[in-house]
Protein backbone atom coordinates (compact mmCIF):
# COMPACT_ATOMS: atom_id res chain seq x y z
CA UNK A 1 98.03 -11.66 21.03
CA UNK A 2 94.83 -13.56 20.68
CA UNK A 3 94.30 -12.22 24.82
CA UNK A 4 94.58 -8.54 24.27
CA UNK A 5 91.79 -8.61 21.54
CA UNK A 6 89.63 -10.34 23.96
CA UNK A 7 89.86 -8.09 26.83
CA UNK A 8 89.72 -5.05 24.21
CA UNK A 9 86.10 -6.56 22.95
CA UNK A 10 85.58 -7.25 26.93
CA UNK A 11 85.77 -3.51 28.07
CA UNK A 12 83.99 -2.64 24.51
CA UNK A 13 80.95 -4.61 25.58
CA UNK A 14 81.17 -3.13 29.00
CA UNK A 15 81.32 0.53 27.60
CA UNK A 16 78.35 -0.71 25.73
CA UNK A 17 76.48 -1.83 28.57
CA UNK A 18 76.94 0.77 30.75
CA UNK A 19 75.96 3.74 28.04
CA UNK A 20 72.79 1.23 27.43
CA UNK A 21 72.32 1.61 30.99
CA UNK A 22 72.85 5.33 31.42
CA UNK A 23 70.43 6.13 28.36
CA UNK A 24 67.48 4.09 30.13
CA UNK A 25 68.02 5.68 33.15
CA UNK A 26 67.72 8.57 31.83
CA UNK A 27 64.87 7.95 29.84
CA UNK A 28 62.93 6.31 32.78
CA UNK A 29 63.84 9.30 35.17
CA UNK A 30 63.10 11.81 32.18
CA UNK A 31 59.40 10.63 31.31
CA UNK A 32 57.94 10.90 35.18
CA UNK A 33 59.52 14.28 35.67
CA UNK A 34 57.89 15.61 32.89
CA UNK A 35 54.26 13.44 33.27
CA UNK A 36 54.35 15.09 36.91
CA UNK A 37 56.35 18.61 36.69
CA UNK A 38 54.35 21.84 35.88
CA UNK A 39 54.28 20.69 32.28
CA UNK A 40 52.71 17.49 32.40
CA UNK A 41 50.03 15.71 35.13
CA UNK A 42 50.34 18.09 37.87
CA UNK A 43 49.70 21.14 35.70
CA UNK A 44 46.95 19.30 33.78
CA UNK A 45 45.09 18.46 37.02
CA UNK A 46 45.48 21.87 38.16
CA UNK A 47 43.97 23.27 35.29
CA UNK A 48 40.99 20.72 35.90
CA UNK A 49 40.05 22.26 38.93
CA UNK A 50 40.35 25.86 37.33
CA UNK A 51 38.05 24.75 35.00
CA UNK A 52 36.08 23.40 37.62
CA UNK A 53 35.55 26.49 39.95
CA UNK A 54 34.91 28.64 36.77
CA UNK A 55 32.03 26.76 35.93
CA UNK A 56 30.67 26.38 39.25
CA UNK A 57 31.37 30.60 39.12
CA UNK A 58 29.30 30.49 35.57
CA UNK A 59 26.38 28.43 36.80
CA UNK A 60 26.45 30.78 40.13
CA UNK A 61 26.54 33.71 37.26
CA UNK A 62 23.74 32.31 35.48
CA UNK A 63 21.61 32.11 38.73
CA UNK A 64 22.49 36.14 39.55
CA UNK A 65 21.56 36.99 35.49
CA UNK A 66 18.04 34.86 35.88
CA UNK A 67 16.86 36.46 39.14
CA UNK A 68 18.04 40.04 37.91
CA UNK A 69 15.76 39.33 34.59
CA UNK A 70 12.79 38.40 36.64
CA UNK A 71 13.25 41.49 38.73
CA UNK A 72 13.96 43.61 35.79
CA UNK A 73 10.65 42.55 34.01
CA UNK A 74 8.57 42.73 37.32
CA UNK A 75 9.90 46.74 37.42
CA UNK A 76 8.70 47.03 33.98
CA UNK A 77 5.35 45.50 34.30
CA UNK A 78 4.29 45.06 38.28
CA UNK A 79 3.02 48.42 40.04
CA UNK A 80 3.42 46.34 43.33
CA UNK A 81 7.47 45.58 42.20
CA UNK A 82 8.10 49.30 41.98
CA UNK A 83 6.26 50.64 45.14
CA UNK A 84 8.61 48.01 47.15
CA UNK A 85 11.65 48.89 46.03
CA UNK A 86 10.22 52.83 46.52
CA UNK A 87 9.58 51.60 50.06
CA UNK A 88 12.89 49.05 50.98
CA UNK A 89 15.72 50.93 48.99
CA UNK A 90 14.81 54.25 48.78
CA UNK A 91 12.56 55.25 52.03
CA UNK A 92 9.54 56.56 50.77
CA UNK A 93 6.07 56.34 51.90
CA UNK A 94 2.80 56.92 50.96
CA UNK A 95 0.66 59.84 51.89
CA UNK A 96 -1.34 59.29 55.18
CA UNK A 97 1.63 56.21 56.22
CA UNK A 98 2.45 57.04 60.00
CA UNK A 99 6.21 57.33 60.05
CA UNK A 100 7.94 56.51 63.51
CA UNK A 101 11.79 58.02 64.07
CA UNK A 102 13.06 55.49 66.44
CA UNK A 103 16.90 56.83 66.66
CA UNK A 104 17.97 58.65 69.56
CA UNK A 105 18.64 62.03 69.08
CA UNK A 106 16.36 62.46 66.32
CA UNK A 107 14.01 65.49 65.66
């Protein structure tokens, strides 16, 4: 009878050990999965890259805003800037300017 109790205790001990080993294996498998899965560290790195892209884009937009602000100020206060826009973008000429049309078939 004593031998049966010893065997039962031995079996119970191995069941507890196997359960503990399984729990440890699940824990050590679960934690890295969540660190490197979409909701974990990989997602963090992706978002960090997106943030840097947006910051570079914002810097470019700030430069555009500054350039456009200077252009608007010049168009409001400098007649030469207005003339330059009229000549280059609208194709206007002053009275007395000589205009040469070098396109083929132009009349």
